[in-house]
Amino acid sequence: MNGKYIFKGEDITTDVLFKIEHICNILAERENIIFDKAYEAFIFSDTYKILKRTHNLYWAESAEFLADEYYREISSR
């Protein structure tokens, strides 16, 4: 993938990275932890793996929705 997120030939890397940052800020605030801990937890989640697959349009969802998806995922473990 060469480190870029591409959708229909367009580079959406900045959009995806900002979305990840926003999600991790939400997680950090909700759990009262530092950003780095939230980031570490998020990148090992299935929600993150799905978000990286640009064809499914998860990257276009709101950060709040994706944070909720993350919590649904971890609650079902």
PDB file of N, CA and C in Angstrom:
ATOM      1  N   MET A   1       0.815  -1.193   0.000  1.00  0.00           N
ATOM      2  CA  MET A   1       0.000   0.000   0.000  1.00  0.00           C
ATOM      3  C   MET A   1       0.852   1.247   0.000  1.00  0.00           C
ATOM      4  N   ASN A   2       2.082   1.224   0.239  1.00  0.00           N
ATOM      5  CA  ASN A   2       3.052   2.320   0.234  1.00  0.00           C
ATOM      6  C   ASN A   2       2.745   3.439   1.229  1.00  0.00           C
ATOM      7  N   GLY A   3       1.978   3.166   2.277  1.00  0.00           N
ATOM      8  CA  GLY A   3       1.719   4.150   3.317  1.00  0.00           C
ATOM      9  C   GLY A   3       0.665   5.180   2.992  1.00  0.00           C
ATOM     10  N   LYS A   4      -0.016   5.017   1.884  1.00  0.00           N
ATOM     11  CA  LYS A   4      -1.060   5.969   1.505  1.00  0.00           C
ATOM     12  C   LYS A   4      -2.414   5.283   1.512  1.00  0.00           C
ATOM     13  N   TYR A   5      -3.430   6.072   1.780  1.00  0.00           N
ATOM     14  CA  TYR A   5      -4.802   5.597   1.703  1.00  0.00           C
ATOM     15  C   TYR A   5      -5.397   6.194   0.429  1.00  0.00           C
ATOM     16  N   ILE A   6      -5.837   5.335  -0.472  1.00  0.00           N
ATOM     17  CA  ILE A   6      -6.350   5.756  -1.769  1.00  0.00           C
ATOM     18  C   ILE A   6      -7.796   5.292  -1.913  1.00  0.00           C
ATOM     19  N   PHE A   7      -8.666   6.181  -2.408  1.00  0.00           N
ATOM     20  CA  PHE A   7     -10.047   5.830  -2.688  1.00  0.00           C
ATOM     21  C   PHE A   7     -10.394   6.392  -4.055  1.00  0.00           C
ATOM     22  N   LYS A   8     -10.773   5.492  -4.963  1.00  0.00           N
ATOM     23  CA  LYS A   8     -11.115   5.866  -6.340  1.00  0.00           C
ATOM     24  C   LYS A   8     -10.048   6.768  -6.964  1.00  0.00           C
ATOM     25  N   GLY A   9      -8.792   6.400  -6.750  1.00  0.00           N
ATOM     26  CA  GLY A   9      -7.685   7.117  -7.345  1.00  0.00           C
ATOM     27  C   GLY A   9      -7.269   8.384  -6.621  1.00  0.00           C
ATOM     28  N   GLU A  10      -7.994   8.768  -5.587  1.00  0.00           N
ATOM     29  CA  GLU A  10      -7.685   9.985  -4.830  1.00  0.00           C
ATOM     30  C   GLU A  10      -6.944   9.626  -3.538  1.00  0.00           C
ATOM     31  N   ASP A  11      -5.961  10.414  -3.209  1.00  0.00           N
ATOM     32  CA  ASP A  11      -5.205  10.235  -1.970  1.00  0.00           C
ATOM     33  C   ASP A  11      -6.019  10.822  -0.816  1.00  0.00           C
ATOM     34  N   ILE A  12      -6.472   9.963   0.082  1.00  0.00           N
ATOM     35  CA  ILE A  12      -7.255  10.406   1.238  1.00  0.00           C
ATOM     36  C   ILE A  12      -6.475  10.187   2.538  1.00  0.00           C
ATOM     37  N   THR A  13      -5.167  10.087   2.424  1.00  0.00           N
ATOM     38  CA  THR A  13      -4.323   9.802   3.586  1.00  0.00           C
ATOM     39  C   THR A  13      -4.540  10.811   4.702  1.00  0.00           C
ATOM     40  N   THR A  14      -4.541  12.087   4.366  1.00  0.00           N
ATOM     41  CA  THR A  14      -4.723  13.120   5.388  1.00  0.00           C
ATOM     42  C   THR A  14      -6.064  12.964   6.081  1.00  0.00           C
ATOM     43  N   ASP A  15      -7.110  12.684   5.322  1.00  0.00           N
ATOM     44  CA  ASP A  15      -8.441  12.498   5.905  1.00  0.00           C
ATOM     45  C   ASP A  15      -8.456  11.333   6.888  1.00  0.00           C
ATOM     46  N   VAL A  16      -7.860  10.220   6.488  1.00  0.00           N
ATOM     47  CA  VAL A  16      -7.854   9.031   7.339  1.00  0.00           C
ATOM     48  C   VAL A  16      -7.026   9.285   8.601  1.00  0.00           C
ATOM     49  N   LEU A  17      -5.880   9.913   8.449  1.00  0.00           N
ATOM     50  CA  LEU A  17      -5.028  10.171   9.618  1.00  0.00           C
ATOM     51  C   LEU A  17      -5.693  11.137  10.593  1.00  0.00           C
ATOM     52  N   PHE A  18      -6.355  12.169  10.079  1.00  0.00           N
ATOM     53  CA  PHE A  18      -7.092  13.079  10.956  1.00  0.00           C
ATOM     54  C   PHE A  18      -8.234  12.357  11.653  1.00  0.00           C
ATOM     55  N   LYS A  19      -8.875  11.443  10.952  1.00  0.00           N
ATOM     56  CA  LYS A  19      -9.969  10.666  11.542  1.00  0.00           C
ATOM     57  C   LYS A  19      -9.442   9.798  12.688  1.00  0.00           C
ATOM     58  N   ILE A  20      -8.308   9.142  12.472  1.00  0.00           N
ATOM     59  CA  ILE A  20      -7.696   8.311  13.518  1.00  0.00           C
ATOM     60  C   ILE A  20      -7.339   9.161  14.725  1.00  0.00           C
ATOM     61  N   GLU A  21      -6.769  10.335  14.466  1.00  0.00           N
ATOM     62  CA  GLU A  21      -6.421  11.240  15.567  1.00  0.00           C
ATOM     63  C   GLU A  21      -7.666  11.638  16.355  1.00  0.00           C
ATOM     64  N   HIS A  22      -8.724  11.987  15.645  1.00  0.00           N
ATOM     65  CA  HIS A  22      -9.960  12.401  16.300  1.00  0.00           C
ATOM     66  C   HIS A  22     -10.546  11.254  17.134  1.00  0.00           C
ATOM     67  N   ILE A  23     -10.558  10.061  16.586  1.00  0.00           N
ATOM     68  CA  ILE A  23     -11.058   8.890  17.322  1.00  0.00           C
ATOM     69  C   ILE A  23     -10.255   8.683  18.595  1.00  0.00           C
ATOM     70  N   CYS A  24      -8.948   8.729  18.483  1.00  0.00           N
ATOM     71  CA  CYS A  24      -8.094   8.502  19.657  1.00  0.00           C
ATOM     72  C   CYS A  24      -8.263   9.602  20.698  1.00  0.00           C
ATOM     73  N   ASN A  25      -8.495  10.826  20.262  1.00  0.00           N
ATOM     74  CA  ASN A  25      -8.787  11.906  21.212  1.00  0.00           C
ATOM     75  C   ASN A  25     -10.090  11.636  21.952  1.00  0.00           C
ATOM     76  N   ILE A  26     -11.088  11.135  21.247  1.00  0.00           N
ATOM     77  CA  ILE A  26     -12.367  10.783  21.879  1.00  0.00           C
ATOM     78  C   ILE A  26     -12.147   9.678  22.908  1.00  0.00           C
ATOM     79  N   LEU A  27     -11.417   8.630  22.516  1.00  0.00           N
ATOM     80  CA  LEU A  27     -11.159   7.520  23.438  1.00  0.00           C
ATOM     81  C   LEU A  27     -10.389   7.998  24.663  1.00  0.00           C
ATOM     82  N   ALA A  28      -9.381   8.825  24.452  1.00  0.00           N
ATOM     83  CA  ALA A  28      -8.578   9.335  25.564  1.00  0.00           C
ATOM     84  C   ALA A  28      -9.434  10.148  26.529  1.00  0.00           C
ATOM     85  N   GLU A  29     -10.309  10.971  25.981  1.00  0.00           N
ATOM     86  CA  GLU A  29     -11.167  11.796  26.828  1.00  0.00           C
ATOM     87  C   GLU A  29     -12.176  10.936  27.591  1.00  0.00           C
ATOM     88  N   ARG A  30     -12.805   9.996  26.899  1.00  0.00           N
ATOM     89  CA  ARG A  30     -13.820   9.149  27.550  1.00  0.00           C
ATOM     90  C   ARG A  30     -13.218   8.281  28.640  1.00  0.00           C
ATOM     91  N   GLU A  31     -11.995   7.806  28.417  1.00  0.00           N
ATOM     92  CA  GLU A  31     -11.372   6.885  29.369  1.00  0.00           C
ATOM     93  C   GLU A  31     -10.412   7.576  30.328  1.00  0.00           C
ATOM     94  N   ASN A  32     -10.258   8.892  30.142  1.00  0.00           N
ATOM     95  CA  ASN A  32      -9.351   9.679  30.982  1.00  0.00           C
ATOM     96  C   ASN A  32      -7.929   9.089  30.968  1.00  0.00           C
ATOM     97  N   ILE A  33      -7.446   8.856  29.750  1.00  0.00           N
ATOM     98  CA  ILE A  33      -6.085   8.349  29.559  1.00  0.00           C
ATOM     99  C   ILE A  33      -5.372   9.263  28.573  1.00  0.00           C
ATOM    100  N   ILE A  34      -4.066   9.087  28.462  1.00  0.00           N
ATOM    101  CA  ILE A  34      -3.321   9.913  27.518  1.00  0.00           C
ATOM    102  C   ILE A  34      -3.557   9.411  26.092  1.00  0.00           C
ATOM    103  N   PHE A  35      -3.333  10.307  25.154  1.00  0.00           N
ATOM    104  CA  PHE A  35      -3.558  10.003  23.741  1.00  0.00           C
ATOM    105  C   PHE A  35      -2.794   8.754  23.313  1.00  0.00           C
ATOM    106  N   ASP A  36      -1.541   8.626  23.720  1.00  0.00           N
ATOM    107  CA  ASP A  36      -0.711   7.490  23.299  1.00  0.00           C
ATOM    108  C   ASP A  36      -1.322   6.154  23.695  1.00  0.00           C
ATOM    109  N   LYS A  37      -1.890   6.078  24.885  1.00  0.00           N
ATOM    110  CA  LYS A  37      -2.538   4.833  25.343  1.00  0.00           C
ATOM    111  C   LYS A  37      -3.784   4.543  24.505  1.00  0.00           C
ATOM    112  N   ALA A  38      -4.544   5.576  24.214  1.00  0.00           N
ATOM    113  CA  ALA A  38      -5.733   5.398  23.385  1.00  0.00           C
ATOM    114  C   ALA A  38      -5.332   4.941  21.985  1.00  0.00           C
ATOM    115  N   TYR A  39      -4.284   5.535  21.444  1.00  0.00           N
ATOM    116  CA  TYR A  39      -3.806   5.160  20.114  1.00  0.00           C
ATOM    117  C   TYR A  39      -3.355   3.706  20.097  1.00  0.00           C
ATOM    118  N   GLU A  40      -2.590   3.299  21.106  1.00  0.00           N
ATOM    119  CA  GLU A  40      -2.124   1.910  21.184  1.00  0.00           C
ATOM    120  C   GLU A  40      -3.295   0.938  21.227  1.00  0.00           C
ATOM    121  N   ALA A  41      -4.315   1.254  21.991  1.00  0.00           N
ATOM    122  CA  ALA A  41      -5.479   0.370  22.085  1.00  0.00           C
ATOM    123  C   ALA A  41      -6.214   0.322  20.752  1.00  0.00           C
ATOM    124  N   PHE A  42      -6.388   1.474  20.124  1.00  0.00           N
ATOM    125  CA  PHE A  42      -7.171   1.545  18.897  1.00  0.00           C
ATOM    126  C   PHE A  42      -6.504   0.818  17.738  1.00  0.00           C
ATOM    127  N   ILE A  43      -5.198   0.951  17.581  1.00  0.00           N
ATOM    128  CA  ILE A  43      -4.554   0.358  16.398  1.00  0.00           C
ATOM    129  C   ILE A  43      -4.527  -1.172  16.431  1.00  0.00           C
ATOM    130  N   PHE A  44      -4.813  -1.753  17.570  1.00  0.00           N
ATOM    131  CA  PHE A  44      -4.874  -3.215  17.642  1.00  0.00           C
ATOM    132  C   PHE A  44      -6.306  -3.727  17.539  1.00  0.00           C
ATOM    133  N   SER A  45      -7.238  -2.831  17.243  1.00  0.00           N
ATOM    134  CA  SER A  45      -8.651  -3.221  17.182  1.00  0.00           C
ATOM    135  C   SER A  45      -9.061  -3.601  15.766  1.00  0.00           C
ATOM    136  N   ASP A  46     -10.143  -4.360  15.696  1.00  0.00           N
ATOM    137  CA  ASP A  46     -10.728  -4.688  14.395  1.00  0.00           C
ATOM    138  C   ASP A  46     -11.321  -3.444  13.741  1.00  0.00           C
ATOM    139  N   THR A  47     -11.807  -2.523  14.553  1.00  0.00           N
ATOM    140  CA  THR A  47     -12.353  -1.278  14.021  1.00  0.00           C
ATOM    141  C   THR A  47     -11.291  -0.535  13.218  1.00  0.00           C
ATOM    142  N   TYR A  48     -10.086  -0.490  13.733  1.00  0.00           N
ATOM    143  CA  TYR A  48      -8.981   0.150  13.019  1.00  0.00           C
ATOM    144  C   TYR A  48      -8.672  -0.590  11.719  1.00  0.00           C
ATOM    145  N   LYS A  49      -8.657  -1.909  11.788  1.00  0.00           N
ATOM    146  CA  LYS A  49      -8.366  -2.701  10.584  1.00  0.00           C
ATOM    147  C   LYS A  49      -9.402  -2.440   9.496  1.00  0.00           C
ATOM    148  N   ILE A  50     -10.661  -2.342   9.906  1.00  0.00           N
ATOM    149  CA  ILE A  50     -11.725  -2.061   8.947  1.00  0.00           C
ATOM    150  C   ILE A  50     -11.580  -0.640   8.393  1.00  0.00           C
ATOM    151  N   LEU A  51     -11.240   0.299   9.243  1.00  0.00           N
ATOM    152  CA  LEU A  51     -11.062   1.686   8.830  1.00  0.00           C
ATOM    153  C   LEU A  51      -9.974   1.821   7.765  1.00  0.00           C
ATOM    154  N   LYS A  52      -8.939   1.027   7.866  1.00  0.00           N
ATOM    155  CA  LYS A  52      -7.828   1.099   6.904  1.00  0.00           C
ATOM    156  C   LYS A  52      -8.211   0.603   5.513  1.00  0.00           C
ATOM    157  N   ARG A  53      -9.265  -0.199   5.416  1.00  0.00           N
ATOM    158  CA  ARG A  53      -9.735  -0.686   4.108  1.00  0.00           C
ATOM    159  C   ARG A  53     -10.649   0.378   3.503  1.00  0.00           C
ATOM    160  N   THR A  54     -10.098   1.212   2.679  1.00  0.00           N
ATOM    161  CA  THR A  54     -10.812   2.400   2.218  1.00  0.00           C
ATOM    162  C   THR A  54     -12.035   2.094   1.362  1.00  0.00           C
ATOM    163  N   HIS A  55     -12.088   0.947   0.733  1.00  0.00           N
ATOM    164  CA  HIS A  55     -13.212   0.631  -0.150  1.00  0.00           C
ATOM    165  C   HIS A  55     -14.544   0.516   0.585  1.00  0.00           C
ATOM    166  N   ASN A  56     -14.514   0.289   1.896  1.00  0.00           N
ATOM    167  CA  ASN A  56     -15.760   0.112   2.639  1.00  0.00           C
ATOM    168  C   ASN A  56     -16.344   1.424   3.181  1.00  0.00           C
ATOM    169  N   LEU A  57     -15.672   2.529   2.952  1.00  0.00           N
ATOM    170  CA  LEU A  57     -16.126   3.873   3.327  1.00  0.00           C
ATOM    171  C   LEU A  57     -16.220   4.119   4.829  1.00  0.00           C
ATOM    172  N   TYR A  58     -15.627   3.272   5.658  1.00  0.00           N
ATOM    173  CA  TYR A  58     -15.601   3.547   7.098  1.00  0.00           C
ATOM    174  C   TYR A  58     -14.913   4.879   7.370  1.00  0.00           C
ATOM    175  N   TRP A  59     -13.926   5.218   6.578  1.00  0.00           N
ATOM    176  CA  TRP A  59     -13.188   6.471   6.771  1.00  0.00           C
ATOM    177  C   TRP A  59     -14.090   7.685   6.603  1.00  0.00           C
ATOM    178  N   ALA A  60     -15.228   7.531   5.949  1.00  0.00           N
ATOM    179  CA  ALA A  60     -16.154   8.649   5.741  1.00  0.00           C
ATOM    180  C   ALA A  60     -17.146   8.809   6.897  1.00  0.00           C
ATOM    181  N   GLU A  61     -17.189   7.853   7.802  1.00  0.00           N
ATOM    182  CA  GLU A  61     -18.071   7.944   8.970  1.00  0.00           C
ATOM    183  C   GLU A  61     -17.494   8.944   9.971  1.00  0.00           C
ATOM    184  N   SER A  62     -18.332   9.401  10.879  1.00  0.00           N
ATOM    185  CA  SER A  62     -17.864  10.347  11.892  1.00  0.00           C
ATOM    186  C   SER A  62     -16.948   9.642  12.895  1.00  0.00           C
ATOM    187  N   ALA A  63     -16.074  10.417  13.487  1.00  0.00           N
ATOM    188  CA  ALA A  63     -15.168   9.865  14.498  1.00  0.00           C
ATOM    189  C   ALA A  63     -15.959   9.344  15.694  1.00  0.00           C
ATOM    190  N   GLU A  64     -17.051  10.014  16.032  1.00  0.00           N
ATOM    191  CA  GLU A  64     -17.877   9.582  17.154  1.00  0.00           C
ATOM    192  C   GLU A  64     -18.494   8.208  16.877  1.00  0.00           C
ATOM    193  N   PHE A  65     -18.984   8.015  15.659  1.00  0.00           N
ATOM    194  CA  PHE A  65     -19.540   6.723  15.271  1.00  0.00           C
ATOM    195  C   PHE A  65     -18.470   5.633  15.368  1.00  0.00           C
ATOM    196  N   LEU A  66     -17.282   5.921  14.867  1.00  0.00           N
ATOM    197  CA  LEU A  66     -16.213   4.929  14.879  1.00  0.00           C
ATOM    198  C   LEU A  66     -15.731   4.639  16.297  1.00  0.00           C
ATOM    199  N   ALA A  67     -15.729   5.637  17.158  1.00  0.00           N
ATOM    200  CA  ALA A  67     -15.391   5.398  18.568  1.00  0.00           C
ATOM    201  C   ALA A  67     -16.434   4.474  19.193  1.00  0.00           C
ATOM    202  N   ASP A  68     -17.706   4.705  18.880  1.00  0.00           N
ATOM    203  CA  ASP A  68     -18.764   3.821  19.379  1.00  0.00           C
ATOM    204  C   ASP A  68     -18.603   2.408  18.842  1.00  0.00           C
ATOM    205  N   GLU A  69     -18.225   2.276  17.579  1.00  0.00           N
ATOM    206  CA  GLU A  69     -17.957   0.958  16.995  1.00  0.00           C
ATOM    207  C   GLU A  69     -16.818   0.258  17.747  1.00  0.00           C
ATOM    208  N   TYR A  70     -15.788   1.004  18.080  1.00  0.00           N
ATOM    209  CA  TYR A  70     -14.666   0.463  18.855  1.00  0.00           C
ATOM    210  C   TYR A  70     -15.182  -0.073  20.192  1.00  0.00           C
ATOM    211  N   TYR A  71     -15.997   0.707  20.882  1.00  0.00           N
ATOM    212  CA  TYR A  71     -16.524   0.266  22.181  1.00  0.00           C
ATOM    213  C   TYR A  71     -17.449  -0.943  22.043  1.00  0.00           C
ATOM    214  N   ARG A  72     -18.239  -0.996  20.963  1.00  0.00           N
ATOM    215  CA  ARG A  72     -19.069  -2.183  20.731  1.00  0.00           C
ATOM    216  C   ARG A  72     -18.168  -3.406  20.544  1.00  0.00           C
ATOM    217  N   GLU A  73     -17.090  -3.214  19.806  1.00  0.00           N
ATOM    218  CA  GLU A  73     -16.154  -4.314  19.561  1.00  0.00           C
ATOM    219  C   GLU A  73     -15.551  -4.830  20.861  1.00  0.00           C
ATOM    220  N   ILE A  74     -15.030  -3.931  21.687  1.00  0.00           N
ATOM    221  CA  ILE A  74     -14.348  -4.399  22.898  1.00  0.00           C
ATOM    222  C   ILE A  74     -15.329  -4.939  23.931  1.00  0.00           C
ATOM    223  N   SER A  75     -16.577  -4.468  23.883  1.00  0.00           N
ATOM    224  CA  SER A  75     -17.565  -5.006  24.837  1.00  0.00           C
ATOM    225  C   SER A  75     -18.005  -6.416  24.471  1.00  0.00           C
ATOM    226  N   SER A  76     -17.822  -6.795  23.208  1.00  0.00           N
ATOM    227  CA  SER A  76     -18.238  -8.121  22.773  1.00  0.00           C
ATOM    228  C   SER A  76     -17.122  -9.156  22.902  1.00  0.00           C
ATOM    229  N   ARG A  77     -15.988  -8.757  23.370  1.00  0.00           N
ATOM    230  CA  ARG A  77     -14.864  -9.705  23.533  1.00  0.00           C
ATOM    231  C   ARG A  77     -15.070 -10.609  24.702  1.00  0.00           C
TER     232      ARG A  77
END
